[in-house]
Amino acid sequence: MDLDISACSCKDDSLGGKFSQNDGPGRRAALTHLRYQLHSKTKLMVLENVTTGSIHRITAEELSHNNVCDIRVIYAATDDSGYGGMRRYRGWTVALRRDAGSFLDEPQKA
């Protein structure tokens, strides 16, 4: 697969999810999906979530295991969406397999 675009439920990082984080069902499902993408050697992965909680750190740890991917994170402010529907800052983790290429520039600048 060349490209995977996905998002993890942020419920595990919220009051509604009882701040279960890594033990929550959404987090476990997201990590299983991510491990599948690594196993299937997906070349480019884009993952979206809120910047609160631990999902970005966990995602980076998983993707950088054994130095498989080059990782960048793009941050979006609440007013970047253009419609005001977001209340929390978002982060886009962009992971490129090292055996598939390299970043030409920092994604945040593009």
PDB file of N, CA and C in Angstrom:
ATOM      1  N   MET A   1       0.847  -1.168   0.000  1.00  0.00           N
ATOM      2  CA  MET A   1       0.000   0.000   0.000  1.00  0.00           C
ATOM      3  C   MET A   1       0.899   1.239   0.000  1.00  0.00           C
ATOM      4  N   ASP A   2       0.486   2.240  -0.749  1.00  0.00           N
ATOM      5  CA  ASP A   2       1.279   3.455  -0.829  1.00  0.00           C
ATOM      6  C   ASP A   2       0.913   4.492   0.224  1.00  0.00           C
ATOM      7  N   LEU A   3      -0.373   4.605   0.565  1.00  0.00           N
ATOM      8  CA  LEU A   3      -0.824   5.677   1.454  1.00  0.00           C
ATOM      9  C   LEU A   3      -1.912   5.173   2.399  1.00  0.00           C
ATOM     10  N   ASP A   4      -1.797   5.568   3.661  1.00  0.00           N
ATOM     11  CA  ASP A   4      -2.845   5.302   4.649  1.00  0.00           C
ATOM     12  C   ASP A   4      -3.122   6.601   5.383  1.00  0.00           C
ATOM     13  N   ILE A   5      -4.390   7.003   5.404  1.00  0.00           N
ATOM     14  CA  ILE A   5      -4.809   8.178   6.158  1.00  0.00           C
ATOM     15  C   ILE A   5      -5.793   7.685   7.212  1.00  0.00           C
ATOM     16  N   SER A   6      -5.484   7.941   8.460  1.00  0.00           N
ATOM     17  CA  SER A   6      -6.340   7.427   9.531  1.00  0.00           C
ATOM     18  C   SER A   6      -6.343   8.386  10.713  1.00  0.00           C
ATOM     19  N   ALA A   7      -7.232   8.110  11.631  1.00  0.00           N
ATOM     20  CA  ALA A   7      -7.340   8.906  12.852  1.00  0.00           C
ATOM     21  C   ALA A   7      -7.693   7.977  13.999  1.00  0.00           C
ATOM     22  N   CYS A   8      -7.244   8.332  15.153  1.00  0.00           N
ATOM     23  CA  CYS A   8      -7.526   7.551  16.354  1.00  0.00           C
ATOM     24  C   CYS A   8      -8.608   8.275  17.142  1.00  0.00           C
ATOM     25  N   SER A   9      -9.520   7.535  17.675  1.00  0.00           N
ATOM     26  CA  SER A   9     -10.537   8.131  18.528  1.00  0.00           C
ATOM     27  C   SER A   9      -9.865   8.815  19.716  1.00  0.00           C
ATOM     28  N   CYS A  10     -10.289  10.038  20.008  1.00  0.00           N
ATOM     29  CA  CYS A  10      -9.686  10.749  21.136  1.00  0.00           C
ATOM     30  C   CYS A  10     -10.451  10.482  22.434  1.00  0.00           C
ATOM     31  N   LYS A  11     -11.431   9.598  22.381  1.00  0.00           N
ATOM     32  CA  LYS A  11     -12.229   9.311  23.571  1.00  0.00           C
ATOM     33  C   LYS A  11     -11.366   8.803  24.725  1.00  0.00           C
ATOM     34  N   ASP A  12     -10.340   8.022  24.418  1.00  0.00           N
ATOM     35  CA  ASP A  12      -9.487   7.466  25.470  1.00  0.00           C
ATOM     36  C   ASP A  12      -8.669   8.531  26.195  1.00  0.00           C
ATOM     37  N   ASP A  13      -8.603   9.742  25.622  1.00  0.00           N
ATOM     38  CA  ASP A  13      -7.892  10.856  26.261  1.00  0.00           C
ATOM     39  C   ASP A  13      -8.856  11.863  26.875  1.00  0.00           C
ATOM     40  N   SER A  14     -10.105  11.450  27.103  1.00  0.00           N
ATOM     41  CA  SER A  14     -11.111  12.400  27.585  1.00  0.00           C
ATOM     42  C   SER A  14     -11.826  11.885  28.829  1.00  0.00           C
ATOM     43  N   LEU A  15     -12.603  12.771  29.404  1.00  0.00           N
ATOM     44  CA  LEU A  15     -13.419  12.419  30.564  1.00  0.00           C
ATOM     45  C   LEU A  15     -14.411  11.313  30.208  1.00  0.00           C
ATOM     46  N   GLY A  16     -14.988  11.395  29.001  1.00  0.00           N
ATOM     47  CA  GLY A  16     -15.943  10.379  28.568  1.00  0.00           C
ATOM     48  C   GLY A  16     -15.328   8.994  28.478  1.00  0.00           C
ATOM     49  N   GLY A  17     -14.048   8.942  28.163  1.00  0.00           N
ATOM     50  CA  GLY A  17     -13.347   7.668  28.090  1.00  0.00           C
ATOM     51  C   GLY A  17     -12.615   7.333  29.362  1.00  0.00           C
ATOM     52  N   LYS A  18     -12.881   8.119  30.408  1.00  0.00           N
ATOM     53  CA  LYS A  18     -12.295   7.928  31.737  1.00  0.00           C
ATOM     54  C   LYS A  18     -10.767   7.977  31.707  1.00  0.00           C
ATOM     55  N   PHE A  19     -10.244   8.733  30.758  1.00  0.00           N
ATOM     56  CA  PHE A  19      -8.787   8.895  30.613  1.00  0.00           C
ATOM     57  C   PHE A  19      -8.076   7.544  30.626  1.00  0.00           C
ATOM     58  N   SER A  20      -8.680   6.562  29.956  1.00  0.00           N
ATOM     59  CA  SER A  20      -8.109   5.216  29.948  1.00  0.00           C
ATOM     60  C   SER A  20      -6.845   5.122  29.096  1.00  0.00           C
ATOM     61  N   GLN A  21      -6.616   6.094  28.226  1.00  0.00           N
ATOM     62  CA  GLN A  21      -5.450   6.185  27.355  1.00  0.00           C
ATOM     63  C   GLN A  21      -5.048   4.836  26.776  1.00  0.00           C
ATOM     64  N   ASN A  22      -3.888   4.308  27.110  1.00  0.00           N
ATOM     65  CA  ASN A  22      -3.374   3.095  26.467  1.00  0.00           C
ATOM     66  C   ASN A  22      -4.226   1.858  26.724  1.00  0.00           C
ATOM     67  N   ASP A  23      -5.010   1.869  27.796  1.00  0.00           N
ATOM     68  CA  ASP A  23      -5.850   0.722  28.112  1.00  0.00           C
ATOM     69  C   ASP A  23      -7.224   0.801  27.449  1.00  0.00           C
ATOM     70  N   GLY A  24      -7.514   1.909  26.785  1.00  0.00           N
ATOM     71  CA  GLY A  24      -8.827   2.077  26.164  1.00  0.00           C
ATOM     72  C   GLY A  24      -8.957   1.310  24.855  1.00  0.00           C
ATOM     73  N   PRO A  25     -10.181   0.947  24.486  1.00  0.00           N
ATOM     74  CA  PRO A  25     -10.391   0.171  23.264  1.00  0.00           C
ATOM     75  C   PRO A  25     -10.020   0.932  21.990  1.00  0.00           C
ATOM     76  N   GLY A  26     -10.255   2.236  21.973  1.00  0.00           N
ATOM     77  CA  GLY A  26      -9.897   3.022  20.796  1.00  0.00           C
ATOM     78  C   GLY A  26      -8.403   3.070  20.575  1.00  0.00           C
ATOM     79  N   ARG A  27      -7.648   3.236  21.639  1.00  0.00           N
ATOM     80  CA  ARG A  27      -6.187   3.291  21.549  1.00  0.00           C
ATOM     81  C   ARG A  27      -5.627   1.953  21.097  1.00  0.00           C
ATOM     82  N   ARG A  28      -6.140   0.875  21.676  1.00  0.00           N
ATOM     83  CA  ARG A  28      -5.659  -0.458  21.282  1.00  0.00           C
ATOM     84  C   ARG A  28      -5.960  -0.722  19.808  1.00  0.00           C
ATOM     85  N   ALA A  29      -7.137  -0.325  19.342  1.00  0.00           N
ATOM     86  CA  ALA A  29      -7.499  -0.511  17.931  1.00  0.00           C
ATOM     87  C   ALA A  29      -6.581   0.314  17.025  1.00  0.00           C
ATOM     88  N   ALA A  30      -6.287   1.549  17.425  1.00  0.00           N
ATOM     89  CA  ALA A  30      -5.419   2.404  16.620  1.00  0.00           C
ATOM     90  C   ALA A  30      -4.005   1.829  16.535  1.00  0.00           C
ATOM     91  N   LEU A  31      -3.479   1.335  17.638  1.00  0.00           N
ATOM     92  CA  LEU A  31      -2.134   0.757  17.622  1.00  0.00           C
ATOM     93  C   LEU A  31      -2.094  -0.533  16.809  1.00  0.00           C
ATOM     94  N   THR A  32      -3.148  -1.313  16.866  1.00  0.00           N
ATOM     95  CA  THR A  32      -3.216  -2.522  16.037  1.00  0.00           C
ATOM     96  C   THR A  32      -3.209  -2.140  14.563  1.00  0.00           C
ATOM     97  N   HIS A  33      -3.990  -1.113  14.208  1.00  0.00           N
ATOM     98  CA  HIS A  33      -4.018  -0.627  12.822  1.00  0.00           C
ATOM     99  C   HIS A  33      -2.634  -0.141  12.392  1.00  0.00           C
ATOM    100  N   LEU A  34      -1.981   0.608  13.252  1.00  0.00           N
ATOM    101  CA  LEU A  34      -0.660   1.141  12.939  1.00  0.00           C
ATOM    102  C   LEU A  34       0.363   0.010  12.750  1.00  0.00           C
ATOM    103  N   ARG A  35       0.321  -0.971  13.610  1.00  0.00           N
ATOM    104  CA  ARG A  35       1.241  -2.117  13.482  1.00  0.00           C
ATOM    105  C   ARG A  35       0.981  -2.884  12.189  1.00  0.00           C
ATOM    106  N   TYR A  36      -0.286  -2.974  11.790  1.00  0.00           N
ATOM    107  CA  TYR A  36      -0.610  -3.617  10.516  1.00  0.00           C
ATOM    108  C   TYR A  36       0.011  -2.844   9.358  1.00  0.00           C
ATOM    109  N   GLN A  37      -0.102  -1.515   9.404  1.00  0.00           N
ATOM    110  CA  GLN A  37       0.475  -0.696   8.334  1.00  0.00           C
ATOM    111  C   GLN A  37       1.992  -0.879   8.263  1.00  0.00           C
ATOM    112  N   LEU A  38       2.639  -0.965   9.407  1.00  0.00           N
ATOM    113  CA  LEU A  38       4.082  -1.206   9.414  1.00  0.00           C
ATOM    114  C   LEU A  38       4.403  -2.585   8.852  1.00  0.00           C
ATOM    115  N   HIS A  39       3.627  -3.579   9.227  1.00  0.00           N
ATOM    116  CA  HIS A  39       3.840  -4.944   8.748  1.00  0.00           C
ATOM    117  C   HIS A  39       3.644  -5.039   7.231  1.00  0.00           C
ATOM    118  N   SER A  40       2.643  -4.311   6.710  1.00  0.00           N
ATOM    119  CA  SER A  40       2.362  -4.358   5.274  1.00  0.00           C
ATOM    120  C   SER A  40       3.234  -3.380   4.477  1.00  0.00           C
ATOM    121  N   LYS A  41       4.131  -2.690   5.178  1.00  0.00           N
ATOM    122  CA  LYS A  41       5.108  -1.780   4.556  1.00  0.00           C
ATOM    123  C   LYS A  41       4.457  -0.636   3.789  1.00  0.00           C
ATOM    124  N   THR A  42       3.427  -0.061   4.376  1.00  0.00           N
ATOM    125  CA  THR A  42       2.799   1.125   3.795  1.00  0.00           C
ATOM    126  C   THR A  42       3.848   2.228   3.710  1.00  0.00           C
ATOM    127  N   LYS A  43       3.948   2.875   2.553  1.00  0.00           N
ATOM    128  CA  LYS A  43       5.020   3.846   2.321  1.00  0.00           C
ATOM    129  C   LYS A  43       4.812   5.169   3.056  1.00  0.00           C
ATOM    130  N   LEU A  44       3.588   5.672   3.049  1.00  0.00           N
ATOM    131  CA  LEU A  44       3.303   6.970   3.660  1.00  0.00           C
ATOM    132  C   LEU A  44       2.056   6.850   4.518  1.00  0.00           C
ATOM    133  N   MET A  45       2.162   7.266   5.778  1.00  0.00           N
ATOM    134  CA  MET A  45       1.037   7.210   6.701  1.00  0.00           C
ATOM    135  C   MET A  45       0.789   8.601   7.267  1.00  0.00           C
ATOM    136  N   VAL A  46      -0.474   8.987   7.302  1.00  0.00           N
ATOM    137  CA  VAL A  46      -0.879  10.265   7.881  1.00  0.00           C
ATOM    138  C   VAL A  46      -1.918   9.950   8.942  1.00  0.00           C
ATOM    139  N   LEU A  47      -1.618  10.327  10.185  1.00  0.00           N
ATOM    140  CA  LEU A  47      -2.505  10.015  11.298  1.00  0.00           C
ATOM    141  C   LEU A  47      -2.914  11.312  11.990  1.00  0.00           C
ATOM    142  N   GLU A  48      -4.194  11.483  12.250  1.00  0.00           N
ATOM    143  CA  GLU A  48      -4.709  12.715  12.858  1.00  0.00           C
ATOM    144  C   GLU A  48      -5.253  12.432  14.240  1.00  0.00           C
ATOM    145  N   ASN A  49      -5.046  13.393  15.137  1.00  0.00           N
ATOM    146  CA  ASN A  49      -5.655  13.324  16.458  1.00  0.00           C
ATOM    147  C   ASN A  49      -5.444  14.648  17.173  1.00  0.00           C
ATOM    148  N   VAL A  50      -6.064  14.761  18.341  1.00  0.00           N
ATOM    149  CA  VAL A  50      -5.846  15.939  19.177  1.00  0.00           C
ATOM    150  C   VAL A  50      -4.428  15.866  19.740  1.00  0.00           C
ATOM    151  N   THR A  51      -3.874  17.004  20.108  1.00  0.00           N
ATOM    152  CA  THR A  51      -2.505  17.013  20.626  1.00  0.00           C
ATOM    153  C   THR A  51      -2.452  16.781  22.131  1.00  0.00           C
ATOM    154  N   THR A  52      -3.602  16.778  22.777  1.00  0.00           N
ATOM    155  CA  THR A  52      -3.627  16.440  24.203  1.00  0.00           C
ATOM    156  C   THR A  52      -3.546  14.929  24.333  1.00  0.00           C
ATOM    157  N   GLY A  53      -3.206  14.449  25.479  1.00  0.00           N
ATOM    158  CA  GLY A  53      -3.096  13.013  25.662  1.00  0.00           C
ATOM    159  C   GLY A  53      -1.754  12.498  25.163  1.00  0.00           C
ATOM    160  N   SER A  54      -1.642  11.197  25.036  1.00  0.00           N
ATOM    161  CA  SER A  54      -0.352  10.589  24.723  1.00  0.00           C
ATOM    162  C   SER A  54      -0.289   9.957  23.344  1.00  0.00           C
ATOM    163  N   ILE A  55      -1.320  10.105  22.523  1.00  0.00           N
ATOM    164  CA  ILE A  55      -1.363   9.385  21.252  1.00  0.00           C
ATOM    165  C   ILE A  55      -0.213   9.760  20.317  1.00  0.00           C
ATOM    166  N   HIS A  56       0.175  11.030  20.266  1.00  0.00           N
ATOM    167  CA  HIS A  56       1.270  11.403  19.358  1.00  0.00           C
ATOM    168  C   HIS A  56       2.595  10.802  19.809  1.00  0.00           C
ATOM    169  N   ARG A  57       2.842  10.794  21.088  1.00  0.00           N
ATOM    170  CA  ARG A  57       4.085  10.197  21.598  1.00  0.00           C
ATOM    171  C   ARG A  57       4.112   8.698  21.315  1.00  0.00           C
ATOM    172  N   ILE A  58       3.006   8.033  21.573  1.00  0.00           N
ATOM    173  CA  ILE A  58       2.927   6.587  21.352  1.00  0.00           C
ATOM    174  C   ILE A  58       3.060   6.269  19.864  1.00  0.00           C
ATOM    175  N   THR A  59       2.407   7.065  19.026  1.00  0.00           N
ATOM    176  CA  THR A  59       2.511   6.868  17.579  1.00  0.00           C
ATOM    177  C   THR A  59       3.954   7.020  17.117  1.00  0.00           C
ATOM    178  N   ALA A  60       4.622   8.069  17.573  1.00  0.00           N
ATOM    179  CA  ALA A  60       6.018   8.296  17.187  1.00  0.00           C
ATOM    180  C   ALA A  60       6.913   7.149  17.655  1.00  0.00           C
ATOM    181  N   GLU A  61       6.692   6.669  18.864  1.00  0.00           N
ATOM    182  CA  GLU A  61       7.490   5.546  19.369  1.00  0.00           C
ATOM    183  C   GLU A  61       7.291   4.300  18.509  1.00  0.00           C
ATOM    184  N   GLU A  62       6.048   4.035  18.159  1.00  0.00           N
ATOM    185  CA  GLU A  62       5.745   2.843  17.356  1.00  0.00           C
ATOM    186  C   GLU A  62       6.351   2.951  15.958  1.00  0.00           C
ATOM    187  N   LEU A  63       6.212   4.118  15.337  1.00  0.00           N
ATOM    188  CA  LEU A  63       6.716   4.299  13.974  1.00  0.00           C
ATOM    189  C   LEU A  63       8.237   4.385  13.905  1.00  0.00           C
ATOM    190  N   SER A  64       8.856   4.861  14.964  1.00  0.00           N
ATOM    191  CA  SER A  64      10.315   5.007  14.932  1.00  0.00           C
ATOM    192  C   SER A  64      11.042   3.762  15.440  1.00  0.00           C
ATOM    193  N   HIS A  65      10.283   2.762  15.886  1.00  0.00           N
ATOM    194  CA  HIS A  65      10.900   1.514  16.355  1.00  0.00           C
ATOM    195  C   HIS A  65      11.746   0.918  15.228  1.00  0.00           C
ATOM    196  N   ASN A  66      12.957   0.568  15.530  1.00  0.00           N
ATOM    197  CA  ASN A  66      13.912   0.023  14.556  1.00  0.00           C
ATOM    198  C   ASN A  66      14.224   1.003  13.422  1.00  0.00           C
ATOM    199  N   ASN A  67      13.969   2.296  13.642  1.00  0.00           N
ATOM    200  CA  ASN A  67      14.312   3.337  12.675  1.00  0.00           C
ATOM    201  C   ASN A  67      13.652   3.102  11.305  1.00  0.00           C
ATOM    202  N   VAL A  68      12.418   2.626  11.305  1.00  0.00           N
ATOM    203  CA  VAL A  68      11.717   2.285  10.077  1.00  0.00           C
ATOM    204  C   VAL A  68      11.209   3.521   9.336  1.00  0.00           C
ATOM    205  N   CYS A  69      10.692   4.503  10.075  1.00  0.00           N
ATOM    206  CA  CYS A  69      10.053   5.669   9.453  1.00  0.00           C
ATOM    207  C   CYS A  69      10.718   6.972   9.863  1.00  0.00           C
ATOM    208  N   ASP A  70      10.659   7.925   8.955  1.00  0.00           N
ATOM    209  CA  ASP A  70      11.025   9.301   9.245  1.00  0.00           C
ATOM    210  C   ASP A  70       9.711  10.002   9.587  1.00  0.00           C
ATOM    211  N   ILE A  71       9.654  10.694  10.719  1.00  0.00           N
ATOM    212  CA  ILE A  71       8.390  11.225  11.231  1.00  0.00           C
ATOM    213  C   ILE A  71       8.426  12.743  11.338  1.00  0.00           C
ATOM    214  N   ARG A  72       7.321  13.361  10.950  1.00  0.00           N
ATOM    215  CA  ARG A  72       7.110  14.786  11.139  1.00  0.00           C
ATOM    216  C   ARG A  72       5.709  14.965  11.703  1.00  0.00           C
ATOM    217  N   VAL A  73       5.508  16.029  12.478  1.00  0.00           N
ATOM    218  CA  VAL A  73       4.181  16.331  13.007  1.00  0.00           C
ATOM    219  C   VAL A  73       3.803  17.741  12.571  1.00  0.00           C
ATOM    220  N   ILE A  74       2.614  17.881  12.033  1.00  0.00           N
ATOM    221  CA  ILE A  74       2.070  19.172  11.629  1.00  0.00           C
ATOM    222  C   ILE A  74       0.986  19.521  12.642  1.00  0.00           C
ATOM    223  N   TYR A  75       1.080  20.698  13.224  1.00  0.00           N
ATOM    224  CA  TYR A  75       0.090  21.128  14.213  1.00  0.00           C
ATOM    225  C   TYR A  75      -0.886  22.098  13.573  1.00  0.00           C
ATOM    226  N   ALA A  76      -2.164  21.962  13.912  1.00  0.00           N
ATOM    227  CA  ALA A  76      -3.203  22.834  13.388  1.00  0.00           C
ATOM    228  C   ALA A  76      -3.901  23.509  14.561  1.00  0.00           C
ATOM    229  N   ALA A  77      -3.990  24.830  14.494  1.00  0.00           N
ATOM    230  CA  ALA A  77      -4.701  25.592  15.516  1.00  0.00           C
ATOM    231  C   ALA A  77      -6.202  25.468  15.276  1.00  0.00           C
ATOM    232  N   THR A  78      -6.969  25.817  16.278  1.00  0.00           N
ATOM    233  CA  THR A  78      -8.425  25.674  16.164  1.00  0.00           C
ATOM    234  C   THR A  78      -9.016  26.521  15.049  1.00  0.00           C
ATOM    235  N   ASP A  79      -8.426  27.651  14.720  1.00  0.00           N
ATOM    236  CA  ASP A  79      -8.972  28.494  13.657  1.00  0.00           C
ATOM    237  C   ASP A  79      -8.480  28.087  12.271  1.00  0.00           C
ATOM    238  N   ASP A  80      -7.587  27.102  12.154  1.00  0.00           N
ATOM    239  CA  ASP A  80      -7.103  26.638  10.860  1.00  0.00           C
ATOM    240  C   ASP A  80      -8.157  25.858  10.083  1.00  0.00           C
ATOM    241  N   SER A  81      -9.186  25.368  10.765  1.00  0.00           N
ATOM    242  CA  SER A  81     -10.188  24.536  10.097  1.00  0.00           C
ATOM    243  C   SER A  81     -11.117  25.356   9.219  1.00  0.00           C
ATOM    244  N   GLY A  82     -11.235  26.646   9.490  1.00  0.00           N
ATOM    245  CA  GLY A  82     -12.063  27.505   8.666  1.00  0.00           C
ATOM    246  C   GLY A  82     -13.536  27.503   9.027  1.00  0.00           C
ATOM    247  N   TYR A  83     -13.947  26.627   9.914  1.00  0.00           N
ATOM    248  CA  TYR A  83     -15.367  26.615  10.276  1.00  0.00           C
ATOM    249  C   TYR A  83     -15.597  26.625  11.777  1.00  0.00           C
ATOM    250  N   GLY A  84     -14.557  26.671  12.555  1.00  0.00           N
ATOM    251  CA  GLY A  84     -14.686  26.803  13.994  1.00  0.00           C
ATOM    252  C   GLY A  84     -15.228  25.578  14.709  1.00  0.00           C
ATOM    253  N   GLY A  85     -15.257  24.445  14.043  1.00  0.00           N
ATOM    254  CA  GLY A  85     -15.787  23.234  14.642  1.00  0.00           C
ATOM    255  C   GLY A  85     -14.830  22.537  15.594  1.00  0.00           C
ATOM    256  N   MET A  86     -13.566  22.926  15.551  1.00  0.00           N
ATOM    257  CA  MET A  86     -12.586  22.284  16.430  1.00  0.00           C
ATOM    258  C   MET A  86     -12.412  23.107  17.690  1.00  0.00           C
ATOM    259  N   ARG A  87     -12.357  22.434  18.817  1.00  0.00           N
ATOM    260  CA  ARG A  87     -12.107  23.137  20.068  1.00  0.00           C
ATOM    261  C   ARG A  87     -10.717  22.854  20.606  1.00  0.00           C
ATOM    262  N   ARG A  88     -10.093  21.778  20.138  1.00  0.00           N
ATOM    263  CA  ARG A  88      -8.759  21.432  20.612  1.00  0.00           C
ATOM    264  C   ARG A  88      -7.792  21.410  19.443  1.00  0.00           C
ATOM    265  N   TYR A  89      -6.541  21.700  19.740  1.00  0.00           N
ATOM    266  CA  TYR A  89      -5.523  21.672  18.700  1.00  0.00           C
ATOM    267  C   TYR A  89      -5.368  20.265  18.146  1.00  0.00           C
ATOM    268  N   ARG A  90      -5.129  20.175  16.857  1.00  0.00           N
ATOM    269  CA  ARG A  90      -4.969  18.895  16.181  1.00  0.00           C
ATOM    270  C   ARG A  90      -3.515  18.710  15.782  1.00  0.00           C
ATOM    271  N   GLY A  91      -3.132  17.467  15.665  1.00  0.00           N
ATOM    272  CA  GLY A  91      -1.811  17.134  15.180  1.00  0.00           C
ATOM    273  C   GLY A  91      -1.922  16.103  14.078  1.00  0.00           C
ATOM    274  N   TRP A  92      -1.141  16.282  13.040  1.00  0.00           N
ATOM    275  CA  TRP A  92      -1.089  15.339  11.929  1.00  0.00           C
ATOM    276  C   TRP A  92       0.302  14.718  11.943  1.00  0.00           C
ATOM    277  N   THR A  93       0.386  13.444  12.281  1.00  0.00           N
ATOM    278  CA  THR A  93       1.657  12.746  12.265  1.00  0.00           C
ATOM    279  C   THR A  93       1.843  12.181  10.865  1.00  0.00           C
ATOM    280  N   VAL A  94       2.937  12.592  10.215  1.00  0.00           N
ATOM    281  CA  VAL A  94       3.243  12.126   8.866  1.00  0.00           C
ATOM    282  C   VAL A  94       4.465  11.224   8.967  1.00  0.00           C
ATOM    283  N   ALA A  95       4.298   9.978   8.556  1.00  0.00           N
ATOM    284  CA  ALA A  95       5.389   9.008   8.641  1.00  0.00           C
ATOM    285  C   ALA A  95       5.709   8.482   7.248  1.00  0.00           C
ATOM    286  N   LEU A  96       6.953   8.574   6.872  1.00  0.00           N
ATOM    287  CA  LEU A  96       7.428   8.102   5.577  1.00  0.00           C
ATOM    288  C   LEU A  96       8.446   6.997   5.821  1.00  0.00           C
ATOM    289  N   ARG A  97       8.205   5.833   5.257  1.00  0.00           N
ATOM    290  CA  ARG A  97       9.171   4.736   5.411  1.00  0.00           C
ATOM    291  C   ARG A  97      10.496   5.155   4.808  1.00  0.00           C
ATOM    292  N   ARG A  98      11.550   4.912   5.528  1.00  0.00           N
ATOM    293  CA  ARG A  98      12.884   5.305   5.067  1.00  0.00           C
ATOM    294  C   ARG A  98      13.276   4.592   3.775  1.00  0.00           C
ATOM    295  N   ASP A  99      12.776   3.387   3.560  1.00  0.00           N
ATOM    296  CA  ASP A  99      13.108   2.667   2.326  1.00  0.00           C
ATOM    297  C   ASP A  99      12.239   3.102   1.142  1.00  0.00           C
ATOM    298  N   ALA A 100      11.309   4.064   1.380  1.00  0.00           N
ATOM    299  CA  ALA A 100      10.429   4.547   0.311  1.00  0.00           C
ATOM    300  C   ALA A 100      10.794   5.948  -0.167  1.00  0.00           C
ATOM    301  N   GLY A 101      11.651   6.664   0.565  1.00  0.00           N
ATOM    302  CA  GLY A 101      12.018   8.013   0.157  1.00  0.00           C
ATOM    303  C   GLY A 101      12.369   8.879   1.343  1.00  0.00           C
ATOM    304  N   SER A 102      12.366  10.187   1.109  1.00  0.00           N
ATOM    305  CA  SER A 102      12.678  11.139   2.172  1.00  0.00           C
ATOM    306  C   SER A 102      11.870  12.414   1.955  1.00  0.00           C
ATOM    307  N   PHE A 103      11.707  13.185   3.030  1.00  0.00           N
ATOM    308  CA  PHE A 103      11.000  14.458   2.940  1.00  0.00           C
ATOM    309  C   PHE A 103      11.869  15.473   2.202  1.00  0.00           C
ATOM    310  N   LEU A 104      11.270  16.228   1.296  1.00  0.00           N
ATOM    311  CA  LEU A 104      11.998  17.276   0.586  1.00  0.00           C
ATOM    312  C   LEU A 104      12.078  18.554   1.405  1.00  0.00           C
ATOM    313  N   ASP A 105      11.069  18.769   2.256  1.00  0.00           N
ATOM    314  CA  ASP A 105      11.011  19.965   3.084  1.00  0.00           C
ATOM    315  C   ASP A 105      10.205  19.596   4.340  1.00  0.00           C
ATOM    316  N   GLU A 106      10.211  20.475   5.299  1.00  0.00           N
ATOM    317  CA  GLU A 106       9.408  20.262   6.490  1.00  0.00           C
ATOM    318  C   GLU A 106       7.938  20.451   6.128  1.00  0.00           C
ATOM    319  N   PRO A 107       7.075  19.445   6.404  1.00  0.00           N
ATOM    320  CA  PRO A 107       5.657  19.549   6.041  1.00  0.00           C
ATOM    321  C   PRO A 107       4.957  20.779   6.616  1.00  0.00           C
ATOM    322  N   GLN A 108       5.338  21.238   7.807  1.00  0.00           N
ATOM    323  CA  GLN A 108       4.692  22.406   8.403  1.00  0.00           C
ATOM    324  C   GLN A 108       4.896  23.649   7.542  1.00  0.00           C
ATOM    325  N   LYS A 109       6.011  23.714   6.808  1.00  0.00           N
ATOM    326  CA  LYS A 109       6.312  24.870   5.968  1.00  0.00           C
ATOM    327  C   LYS A 109       5.609  24.811   4.606  1.00  0.00           C
ATOM    328  N   ALA A 110       5.246  23.626   4.176  1.00  0.00           N
ATOM    329  CA  ALA A 110       4.668  23.470   2.829  1.00  0.00           C
ATOM    330  C   ALA A 110       3.277  24.053   2.725  1.00  0.00           C
TER     331      ALA A 110
END
